[in-house]
PDB file of N, CA and C in Angstrom:
ATOM      1  N   UNK A   1      80.657  78.215  73.759  1.00  0.00           N
ATOM      2  CA  UNK A   1      79.215  78.134  74.039  1.00  0.00           C
ATOM      3  C   UNK A   1      78.980  77.223  75.234  1.00  0.00           C
ATOM      4  N   UNK A   2      78.252  77.751  76.231  1.00  0.00           N
ATOM      5  CA  UNK A   2      77.969  76.964  77.430  1.00  0.00           C
ATOM      6  C   UNK A   2      76.787  76.046  77.197  1.00  0.00           C
ATOM      7  N   UNK A   3      76.561  75.122  78.120  1.00  0.00           N
ATOM      8  CA  UNK A   3      75.414  74.218  78.029  1.00  0.00           C
ATOM      9  C   UNK A   3      74.143  75.036  78.253  1.00  0.00           C
ATOM     10  N   UNK A   4      73.037  74.591  77.642  1.00  0.00           N
ATOM     11  CA  UNK A   4      71.762  75.312  77.751  1.00  0.00           C
ATOM     12  C   UNK A   4      71.205  75.228  79.153  1.00  0.00           C
ATOM     13  N   UNK A   5      69.952  75.653  79.326  1.00  0.00           N
ATOM     14  CA  UNK A   5      69.321  75.592  80.641  1.00  0.00           C
ATOM     15  C   UNK A   5      69.298  74.159  81.160  1.00  0.00           C
ATOM     16  N   UNK A   6      69.273  74.017  82.483  1.00  0.00           N
ATOM     17  CA  UNK A   6      69.405  72.670  83.038  1.00  0.00           C
ATOM     18  C   UNK A   6      68.069  71.930  83.081  1.00  0.00           C
ATOM     19  N   UNK A   7      67.545  71.642  81.892  1.00  0.00           N
ATOM     20  CA  UNK A   7      66.348  70.789  81.793  1.00  0.00           C
ATOM     21  C   UNK A   7      66.822  69.416  81.349  1.00  0.00           C
ATOM     22  N   UNK A   8      67.772  68.879  82.080  1.00  0.00           N
ATOM     23  CA  UNK A   8      68.462  67.665  81.636  1.00  0.00           C
ATOM     24  C   UNK A   8      67.611  66.403  81.753  1.00  0.00           C
ATOM     25  N   UNK A   9      66.695  66.357  82.708  1.00  0.00           N
ATOM     26  CA  UNK A   9      65.996  65.101  82.990  1.00  0.00           C
ATOM     27  C   UNK A   9      65.344  64.445  81.767  1.00  0.00           C
ATOM     28  N   UNK A  10      64.366  65.101  81.096  1.00  0.00           N
ATOM     29  CA  UNK A  10      63.708  64.406  79.984  1.00  0.00           C
ATOM     30  C   UNK A  10      64.679  64.059  78.859  1.00  0.00           C
ATOM     31  N   UNK A  11      65.570  64.976  78.541  1.00  0.00           N
ATOM     32  CA  UNK A  11      66.537  64.738  77.469  1.00  0.00           C
ATOM     33  C   UNK A  11      67.423  63.547  77.815  1.00  0.00           C
ATOM     34  N   UNK A  12      67.843  63.487  79.083  1.00  0.00           N
ATOM     35  CA  UNK A  12      68.702  62.390  79.505  1.00  0.00           C
ATOM     36  C   UNK A  12      67.963  61.058  79.397  1.00  0.00           C
ATOM     37  N   UNK A  13      66.701  61.059  79.825  1.00  0.00           N
ATOM     38  CA  UNK A  13      65.890  59.845  79.721  1.00  0.00           C
ATOM     39  C   UNK A  13      65.814  59.398  78.270  1.00  0.00           C
ATOM     40  N   UNK A  14      65.568  60.355  77.395  1.00  0.00           N
ATOM     41  CA  UNK A  14      65.480  60.057  75.968  1.00  0.00           C
ATOM     42  C   UNK A  14      66.798  59.484  75.489  1.00  0.00           C
ATOM     43  N   UNK A  15      67.899  60.079  75.950  1.00  0.00           N
ATOM     44  CA  UNK A  15      69.223  59.597  75.578  1.00  0.00           C
ATOM     45  C   UNK A  15      69.406  58.150  75.989  1.00  0.00           C
ATOM     46  N   UNK A  16      69.014  57.873  77.229  1.00  0.00           N
ATOM     47  CA  UNK A  16      69.153  56.518  77.765  1.00  0.00           C
ATOM     48  C   UNK A  16      68.357  55.542  76.908  1.00  0.00           C
ATOM     49  N   UNK A  17      67.127  55.903  76.587  1.00  0.00           N
ATOM     50  CA  UNK A  17      66.288  55.043  75.749  1.00  0.00           C
ATOM     51  C   UNK A  17      66.897  54.875  74.362  1.00  0.00           C
ATOM     52  N   UNK A  18      67.369  55.982  73.808  1.00  0.00           N
ATOM     53  CA  UNK A  18      67.993  55.926  72.485  1.00  0.00           C
ATOM     54  C   UNK A  18      69.205  55.010  72.497  1.00  0.00           C
ATOM     55  N   UNK A  19      69.969  55.123  73.579  1.00  0.00           N
ATOM     56  CA  UNK A  19      71.172  54.308  73.726  1.00  0.00           C
ATOM     57  C   UNK A  19      70.787  52.832  73.825  1.00  0.00           C
ATOM     58  N   UNK A  20      69.736  52.563  74.597  1.00  0.00           N
ATOM     59  CA  UNK A  20      69.273  51.185  74.755  1.00  0.00           C
ATOM     60  C   UNK A  20      68.783  50.613  73.425  1.00  0.00           C
ATOM     61  N   UNK A  21      68.053  51.437  72.687  1.00  0.00           N
ATOM     62  CA  UNK A  21      67.535  50.960  71.401  1.00  0.00           C
ATOM     63  C   UNK A  21      68.665  50.699  70.426  1.00  0.00           C
ATOM     64  N   UNK A  22      69.673  51.561  70.464  1.00  0.00           N
ATOM     65  CA  UNK A  22      70.863  51.378  69.635  1.00  0.00           C
ATOM     66  C   UNK A  22      71.536  50.050  70.003  1.00  0.00           C
ATOM     67  N   UNK A  23      71.677  49.828  71.306  1.00  0.00           N
ATOM     68  CA  UNK A  23      72.306  48.606  71.808  1.00  0.00           C
ATOM     69  C   UNK A  23      71.500  47.384  71.384  1.00  0.00           C
ATOM     70  N   UNK A  24      70.182  47.518  71.465  1.00  0.00           N
ATOM     71  CA  UNK A  24      69.293  46.418  71.080  1.00  0.00           C
ATOM     72  C   UNK A  24      69.501  46.072  69.610  1.00  0.00           C
ATOM     73  N   UNK A  25      69.574  47.104  68.761  1.00  0.00           N
ATOM     74  CA  UNK A  25      69.799  46.861  67.329  1.00  0.00           C
ATOM     75  C   UNK A  25      71.121  46.136  67.113  1.00  0.00           C
ATOM     76  N   UNK A  26      72.155  46.555  67.846  1.00  0.00           N
ATOM     77  CA  UNK A  26      73.466  45.913  67.692  1.00  0.00           C
ATOM     78  C   UNK A  26      73.408  44.447  68.106  1.00  0.00           C
ATOM     79  N   UNK A  27      72.705  44.173  69.214  1.00  0.00           N
ATOM     80  CA  UNK A  27      72.584  42.783  69.674  1.00  0.00           C
ATOM     81  C   UNK A  27      71.790  41.950  68.666  1.00  0.00           C
ATOM     82  N   UNK A  28      70.747  42.552  68.090  1.00  0.00           N
ATOM     83  CA  UNK A  28      69.955  41.829  67.092  1.00  0.00           C
ATOM     84  C   UNK A  28      70.812  41.502  65.878  1.00  0.00           C
ATOM     85  N   UNK A  29      71.681  42.434  65.507  1.00  0.00           N
ATOM     86  CA  UNK A  29      72.590  42.190  64.389  1.00  0.00           C
ATOM     87  C   UNK A  29      73.568  41.073  64.722  1.00  0.00           C
ATOM     88  N   UNK A  30      74.100  41.098  65.949  1.00  0.00           N
ATOM     89  CA  UNK A  30      75.022  40.049  66.384  1.00  0.00           C
ATOM     90  C   UNK A  30      74.342  38.696  66.300  1.00  0.00           C
ATOM     91  N   UNK A  31      73.088  38.670  66.754  1.00  0.00           N
ATOM     92  CA  UNK A  31      72.337  37.421  66.769  1.00  0.00           C
ATOM     93  C   UNK A  31      72.132  36.923  65.340  1.00  0.00           C
ATOM     94  N   UNK A  32      71.753  37.827  64.453  1.00  0.00           N
ATOM     95  CA  UNK A  32      71.566  37.477  63.048  1.00  0.00           C
ATOM     96  C   UNK A  32      72.852  36.936  62.446  1.00  0.00           C
ATOM     97  N   UNK A  33      73.939  37.636  62.730  1.00  0.00           N
ATOM     98  CA  UNK A  33      75.247  37.247  62.193  1.00  0.00           C
ATOM     99  C   UNK A  33      75.600  35.842  62.689  1.00  0.00           C
ATOM    100  N   UNK A  34      75.402  35.604  63.981  1.00  0.00           N
ATOM    101  CA  UNK A  34      75.710  34.283  64.533  1.00  0.00           C
ATOM    102  C   UNK A  34      74.837  33.222  63.869  1.00  0.00           C
ATOM    103  N   UNK A  35      73.558  33.526  63.705  1.00  0.00           N
ATOM    104  CA  UNK A  35      72.639  32.568  63.080  1.00  0.00           C
ATOM    105  C   UNK A  35      73.080  32.262  61.647  1.00  0.00           C
ATOM    106  N   UNK A  36      73.493  33.293  60.925  1.00  0.00           N
ATOM    107  CA  UNK A  36      73.972  33.099  59.545  1.00  0.00           C
ATOM    108  C   UNK A  36      75.225  32.241  59.520  1.00  0.00           C
ATOM    109  N   UNK A  37      76.152  32.536  60.448  1.00  0.00           N
ATOM    110  CA  UNK A  37      77.395  31.766  60.508  1.00  0.00           C
ATOM    111  C   UNK A  37      77.113  30.304  60.842  1.00  0.00           C
ATOM    112  N   UNK A  38      76.160  30.088  61.750  1.00  0.00           N
ATOM    113  CA  UNK A  38      75.771  28.719  62.123  1.00  0.00           C
ATOM    114  C   UNK A  38      75.219  27.999  60.899  1.00  0.00           C
ATOM    115  N   UNK A  39      74.311  28.670  60.195  1.00  0.00           N
ATOM    116  CA  UNK A  39      73.705  28.071  59.000  1.00  0.00           C
ATOM    117  C   UNK A  39      74.778  27.729  57.964  1.00  0.00           C
ATOM    118  N   UNK A  40      75.716  28.664  57.773  1.00  0.00           N
ATOM    119  CA  UNK A  40      76.787  28.447  56.796  1.00  0.00           C
ATOM    120  C   UNK A  40      77.642  27.246  57.186  1.00  0.00           C
ATOM    121  N   UNK A  41      77.953  27.146  58.465  1.00  0.00           N
ATOM    122  CA  UNK A  41      78.777  26.028  58.939  1.00  0.00           C
ATOM    123  C   UNK A  41      78.023  24.706  58.792  1.00  0.00           C
ATOM    124  N   UNK A  42      76.735  24.746  59.139  1.00  0.00           N
ATOM    125  CA  UNK A  42      75.959  23.507  59.074  1.00  0.00           C
ATOM    126  C   UNK A  42      75.714  23.075  57.633  1.00  0.00           C
ATOM    127  N   UNK A  43      75.736  24.034  56.718  1.00  0.00           N
ATOM    128  CA  UNK A  43      75.526  23.712  55.307  1.00  0.00           C
ATOM    129  C   UNK A  43      76.727  22.976  54.727  1.00  0.00           C
ATOM    130  N   UNK A  44      77.904  23.239  55.309  1.00  0.00           N
ATOM    131  CA  UNK A  44      79.122  22.568  54.843  1.00  0.00           C
ATOM    132  C   UNK A  44      79.088  21.111  55.278  1.00  0.00           C
ATOM    133  N   UNK A  45      79.633  20.261  54.440  1.00  0.00           N
ATOM    134  CA  UNK A  45      79.790  18.867  54.846  1.00  0.00           C
ATOM    135  C   UNK A  45      80.846  18.830  55.950  1.00  0.00           C
ATOM    136  N   UNK A  46      80.604  18.034  56.989  1.00  0.00           N
ATOM    137  CA  UNK A  46      81.620  17.961  58.047  1.00  0.00           C
ATOM    138  C   UNK A  46      82.929  17.425  57.481  1.00  0.00           C
ATOM    139  N   UNK A  47      84.041  17.997  57.867  1.00  0.00           N
ATOM    140  CA  UNK A  47      85.338  17.531  57.349  1.00  0.00           C
ATOM    141  C   UNK A  47      85.560  16.066  57.706  1.00  0.00           C
ATOM    142  N   UNK A  48      86.290  15.364  56.856  1.00  0.00           N
ATOM    143  CA  UNK A  48      86.567  13.949  57.128  1.00  0.00           C
ATOM    144  C   UNK A  48      87.641  13.825  58.200  1.00  0.00           C
ATOM    145  N   UNK A  49      88.535  14.802  58.272  1.00  0.00           N
ATOM    146  CA  UNK A  49      89.593  14.816  59.274  1.00  0.00           C
ATOM    147  C   UNK A  49      88.973  15.068  60.656  1.00  0.00           C
ATOM    148  N   UNK A  50      89.161  14.104  61.594  1.00  0.00           N
ATOM    149  CA  UNK A  50      88.528  14.247  62.916  1.00  0.00           C
ATOM    150  C   UNK A  50      88.937  15.524  63.650  1.00  0.00           C
ATOM    151  N   UNK A  51      90.185  15.927  63.491  1.00  0.00           N
ATOM    152  CA  UNK A  51      90.639  17.155  64.151  1.00  0.00           C
ATOM    153  C   UNK A  51      89.875  18.363  63.633  1.00  0.00           C
ATOM    154  N   UNK A  52      89.711  18.417  62.315  1.00  0.00           N
ATOM    155  CA  UNK A  52      88.988  19.530  61.709  1.00  0.00           C
ATOM    156  C   UNK A  52      87.510  19.466  62.095  1.00  0.00           C
ATOM    157  N   UNK A  53      86.990  18.251  62.216  1.00  0.00           N
ATOM    158  CA  UNK A  53      85.585  18.092  62.581  1.00  0.00           C
ATOM    159  C   UNK A  53      85.355  18.646  63.991  1.00  0.00           C
ATOM    160  N   UNK A  54      86.285  18.333  64.888  1.00  0.00           N
ATOM    161  CA  UNK A  54      86.193  18.834  66.264  1.00  0.00           C
ATOM    162  C   UNK A  54      86.274  20.358  66.252  1.00  0.00           C
ATOM    163  N   UNK A  55      87.193  20.885  65.444  1.00  0.00           N
ATOM    164  CA  UNK A  55      87.344  22.338  65.364  1.00  0.00           C
ATOM    165  C   UNK A  55      86.046  22.979  64.868  1.00  0.00           C
ATOM    166  N   UNK A  56      85.440  22.355  63.854  1.00  0.00           N
ATOM    167  CA  UNK A  56      84.187  22.892  63.311  1.00  0.00           C
ATOM    168  C   UNK A  56      83.082  22.851  64.370  1.00  0.00           C
ATOM    169  N   UNK A  57      83.036  21.750  65.118  1.00  0.00           N
ATOM    170  CA  UNK A  57      82.026  21.598  66.163  1.00  0.00           C
ATOM    171  C   UNK A  57      82.229  22.656  67.251  1.00  0.00           C
ATOM    172  N   UNK A  58      83.500  22.878  67.615  1.00  0.00           N
ATOM    173  CA  UNK A  58      83.834  23.886  68.623  1.00  0.00           C
ATOM    174  C   UNK A  58      83.377  25.261  68.161  1.00  0.00           C
ATOM    175  N   UNK A  59      83.637  25.540  66.889  1.00  0.00           N
ATOM    176  CA  UNK A  59      83.237  26.823  66.312  1.00  0.00           C
ATOM    177  C   UNK A  59      81.711  26.955  66.345  1.00  0.00           C
ATOM    178  N   UNK A  60      81.035  25.872  66.010  1.00  0.00           N
ATOM    179  CA  UNK A  60      79.574  25.849  66.002  1.00  0.00           C
ATOM    180  C   UNK A  60      79.030  26.107  67.406  1.00  0.00           C
ATOM    181  N   UNK A  61      79.621  25.434  68.391  1.00  0.00           N
ATOM    182  CA  UNK A  61      79.180  25.614  69.779  1.00  0.00           C
ATOM    183  C   UNK A  61      79.379  27.060  70.222  1.00  0.00           C
ATOM    184  N   UNK A  62      80.523  27.632  69.834  1.00  0.00           N
ATOM    185  CA  UNK A  62      80.806  29.015  70.212  1.00  0.00           C
ATOM    186  C   UNK A  62      79.780  29.949  69.578  1.00  0.00           C
ATOM    187  N   UNK A  63      79.478  29.722  68.309  1.00  0.00           N
ATOM    188  CA  UNK A  63      78.500  30.567  67.615  1.00  0.00           C
ATOM    189  C   UNK A  63      77.127  30.454  68.267  1.00  0.00           C
ATOM    190  N   UNK A  64      76.767  29.229  68.654  1.00  0.00           N
ATOM    191  CA  UNK A  64      75.469  29.029  69.300  1.00  0.00           C
ATOM    192  C   UNK A  64      75.419  29.754  70.643  1.00  0.00           C
ATOM    193  N   UNK A  65      76.541  29.735  71.360  1.00  0.00           N
ATOM    194  CA  UNK A  65      76.604  30.472  72.629  1.00  0.00           C
ATOM    195  C   UNK A  65      76.471  31.973  72.366  1.00  0.00           C
ATOM    196  N   UNK A  66      77.186  32.460  71.342  1.00  0.00           N
ATOM    197  CA  UNK A  66      77.105  33.883  70.986  1.00  0.00           C
ATOM    198  C   UNK A  66      75.670  34.263  70.662  1.00  0.00           C
ATOM    199  N   UNK A  67      75.011  33.400  69.894  1.00  0.00           N
ATOM    200  CA  UNK A  67      73.633  33.671  69.492  1.00  0.00           C
ATOM    201  C   UNK A  67      72.730  33.711  70.723  1.00  0.00           C
ATOM    202  N   UNK A  68      72.930  32.747  71.617  1.00  0.00           N
ATOM    203  CA  UNK A  68      72.152  32.663  72.848  1.00  0.00           C
ATOM    204  C   UNK A  68      72.358  33.912  73.698  1.00  0.00           C
ATOM    205  N   UNK A  69      73.632  34.321  73.828  1.00  0.00           N
ATOM    206  CA  UNK A  69      73.959  35.501  74.627  1.00  0.00           C
ATOM    207  C   UNK A  69      73.290  36.745  74.041  1.00  0.00           C
ATOM    208  N   UNK A  70      73.377  36.887  72.724  1.00  0.00           N
ATOM    209  CA  UNK A  70      72.766  38.036  72.056  1.00  0.00           C
ATOM    210  C   UNK A  70      71.254  38.014  72.259  1.00  0.00           C
ATOM    211  N   UNK A  71      70.672  36.815  72.174  1.00  0.00           N
ATOM    212  CA  UNK A  71      69.229  36.642  72.372  1.00  0.00           C
ATOM    213  C   UNK A  71      68.826  37.116  73.767  1.00  0.00           C
ATOM    214  N   UNK A  72      69.577  36.681  74.780  1.00  0.00           N
ATOM    215  CA  UNK A  72      69.266  37.070  76.161  1.00  0.00           C
ATOM    216  C   UNK A  72      69.450  38.569  76.353  1.00  0.00           C
ATOM    217  N   UNK A  73      70.499  39.108  75.753  1.00  0.00           N
ATOM    218  CA  UNK A  73      70.764  40.544  75.860  1.00  0.00           C
ATOM    219  C   UNK A  73      69.637  41.334  75.184  1.00  0.00           C
ATOM    220  N   UNK A  74      69.145  40.834  74.044  1.00  0.00           N
ATOM    221  CA  UNK A  74      68.017  41.483  73.352  1.00  0.00           C
ATOM    222  C   UNK A  74      66.797  41.539  74.265  1.00  0.00           C
ATOM    223  N   UNK A  75      66.506  40.418  74.909  1.00  0.00           N
ATOM    224  CA  UNK A  75      65.343  40.354  75.800  1.00  0.00           C
ATOM    225  C   UNK A  75      65.504  41.342  76.949  1.00  0.00           C
ATOM    226  N   UNK A  76      66.715  41.374  77.524  1.00  0.00           N
ATOM    227  CA  UNK A  76      66.972  42.259  78.651  1.00  0.00           C
ATOM    228  C   UNK A  76      66.811  43.726  78.227  1.00  0.00           C
ATOM    229  N   UNK A  77      67.389  44.068  77.082  1.00  0.00           N
ATOM    230  CA  UNK A  77      67.310  45.442  76.589  1.00  0.00           C
ATOM    231  C   UNK A  77      65.869  45.809  76.253  1.00  0.00           C
ATOM    232  N   UNK A  78      65.140  44.848  75.663  1.00  0.00           N
ATOM    233  CA  UNK A  78      63.755  45.109  75.300  1.00  0.00           C
ATOM    234  C   UNK A  78      62.937  45.414  76.554  1.00  0.00           C
ATOM    235  N   UNK A  79      63.189  44.671  77.627  1.00  0.00           N
ATOM    236  CA  UNK A  79      62.489  44.912  78.889  1.00  0.00           C
ATOM    237  C   UNK A  79      62.831  46.297  79.418  1.00  0.00           C
ATOM    238  N   UNK A  80      64.109  46.646  79.340  1.00  0.00           N
ATOM    239  CA  UNK A  80      64.551  47.962  79.796  1.00  0.00           C
ATOM    240  C   UNK A  80      63.825  49.053  79.030  1.00  0.00           C
ATOM    241  N   UNK A  81      63.754  48.876  77.702  1.00  0.00           N
ATOM    242  CA  UNK A  81      63.105  49.875  76.850  1.00  0.00           C
ATOM    243  C   UNK A  81      61.619  49.955  77.203  1.00  0.00           C
ATOM    244  N   UNK A  82      60.992  48.794  77.387  1.00  0.00           N
ATOM    245  CA  UNK A  82      59.572  48.769  77.753  1.00  0.00           C
ATOM    246  C   UNK A  82      59.330  49.463  79.087  1.00  0.00           C
ATOM    247  N   UNK A  83      60.316  49.386  79.972  1.00  0.00           N
ATOM    248  CA  UNK A  83      60.190  50.015  81.289  1.00  0.00           C
ATOM    249  C   UNK A  83      60.661  51.463  81.267  1.00  0.00           C
ATOM    250  N   UNK A  84      60.910  51.986  80.089  1.00  0.00           N
ATOM    251  CA  UNK A  84      61.357  53.366  79.988  1.00  0.00           C
ATOM    252  C   UNK A  84      62.781  53.570  80.471  1.00  0.00           C
ATOM    253  N   UNK A  85      63.592  52.533  80.331  1.00  0.00           N
ATOM    254  CA  UNK A  85      65.012  52.684  80.668  1.00  0.00           C
ATOM    255  C   UNK A  85      65.320  52.431  82.126  1.00  0.00           C
ATOM    256  N   UNK A  86      64.344  51.925  82.882  1.00  0.00           N
ATOM    257  CA  UNK A  86      64.599  51.638  84.296  1.00  0.00           C
ATOM    258  C   UNK A  86      65.074  50.196  84.414  1.00  0.00           C
ATOM    259  N   UNK A  87      66.293  49.992  84.881  1.00  0.00           N
ATOM    260  CA  UNK A  87      66.791  48.618  84.977  1.00  0.00           C
ATOM    261  C   UNK A  87      65.999  47.819  85.994  1.00  0.00           C
ATOM    262  N   UNK A  88      65.726  46.574  85.647  1.00  0.00           N
ATOM    263  CA  UNK A  88      65.063  45.671  86.583  1.00  0.00           C
ATOM    264  C   UNK A  88      66.123  45.081  87.490  1.00  0.00           C
ATOM    265  N   UNK A  89      65.765  44.732  88.706  1.00  0.00           N
ATOM    266  CA  UNK A  89      66.757  44.032  89.530  1.00  0.00           C
ATOM    267  C   UNK A  89      67.106  42.719  88.835  1.00  0.00           C
ATOM    268  N   UNK A  90      68.370  42.526  88.556  1.00  0.00           N
ATOM    269  CA  UNK A  90      68.772  41.304  87.854  1.00  0.00           C
ATOM    270  C   UNK A  90      69.454  40.372  88.838  1.00  0.00           C
ATOM    271  N   UNK A  91      69.298  39.081  88.624  1.00  0.00           N
ATOM    272  CA  UNK A  91      70.015  38.139  89.484  1.00  0.00           C
ATOM    273  C   UNK A  91      71.510  38.360  89.344  1.00  0.00           C
ATOM    274  N   UNK A  92      72.227  38.128  90.412  1.00  0.00           N
ATOM    275  CA  UNK A  92      73.668  38.333  90.393  1.00  0.00           C
ATOM    276  C   UNK A  92      74.286  37.520  89.272  1.00  0.00           C
ATOM    277  N   UNK A  93      75.179  38.120  88.486  1.00  0.00           N
ATOM    278  CA  UNK A  93      75.815  37.367  87.404  1.00  0.00           C
ATOM    279  C   UNK A  93      76.599  36.182  87.972  1.00  0.00           C
ATOM    280  N   UNK A  94      76.631  35.108  87.198  1.00  0.00           N
ATOM    281  CA  UNK A  94      77.366  33.940  87.650  1.00  0.00           C
ATOM    282  C   UNK A  94      76.432  32.910  88.264  1.00  0.00           C
ATOM    283  N   UNK A  95      75.360  33.370  88.879  1.00  0.00           N
ATOM    284  CA  UNK A  95      74.401  32.410  89.439  1.00  0.00           C
ATOM    285  C   UNK A  95      73.473  31.962  88.332  1.00  0.00           C
ATOM    286  N   UNK A  96      73.406  30.659  88.129  1.00  0.00           N
ATOM    287  CA  UNK A  96      72.515  30.132  87.106  1.00  0.00           C
ATOM    288  C   UNK A  96      71.098  30.100  87.631  1.00  0.00           C
ATOM    289  N   UNK A  97      70.173  30.575  86.783  1.00  0.00           N
ATOM    290  CA  UNK A  97      68.770  30.514  87.156  1.00  0.00           C
ATOM    291  C   UNK A  97      68.293  29.071  87.004  1.00  0.00           C
ATOM    292  N   UNK A  98      67.493  28.604  87.939  1.00  0.00           N
ATOM    293  CA  UNK A  98      66.915  27.266  87.799  1.00  0.00           C
ATOM    294  C   UNK A  98      65.753  27.361  86.825  1.00  0.00           C
ATOM    295  N   UNK A  99      65.718  26.420  85.886  1.00  0.00           N
ATOM    296  CA  UNK A  99      64.633  26.432  84.902  1.00  0.00           C
ATOM    297  C   UNK A  99      63.409  25.773  85.483  1.00  0.00           C
TER     298      UNK A  99
END
């Protein structure tokens, strides 16, 4: 069976939006998971062993970074979806935005 008539534009746009929304859901889940892991770690008493305490802190910092990254990705995807899947010009990666 061959592909149907070439009315690809609207369907493709829909696909792109669907893909973005799917991605957004995944990022939201990642963010939730990171937040849960952070809460679980913070609920634990810090280990008395300094090495383990450092390890726990490192893990906590990593989770917070993951959560932050997912948060930023959610915002970016949400903007894309709001714009109908048209990417906004983004600052070059690696350059930190001044707050």
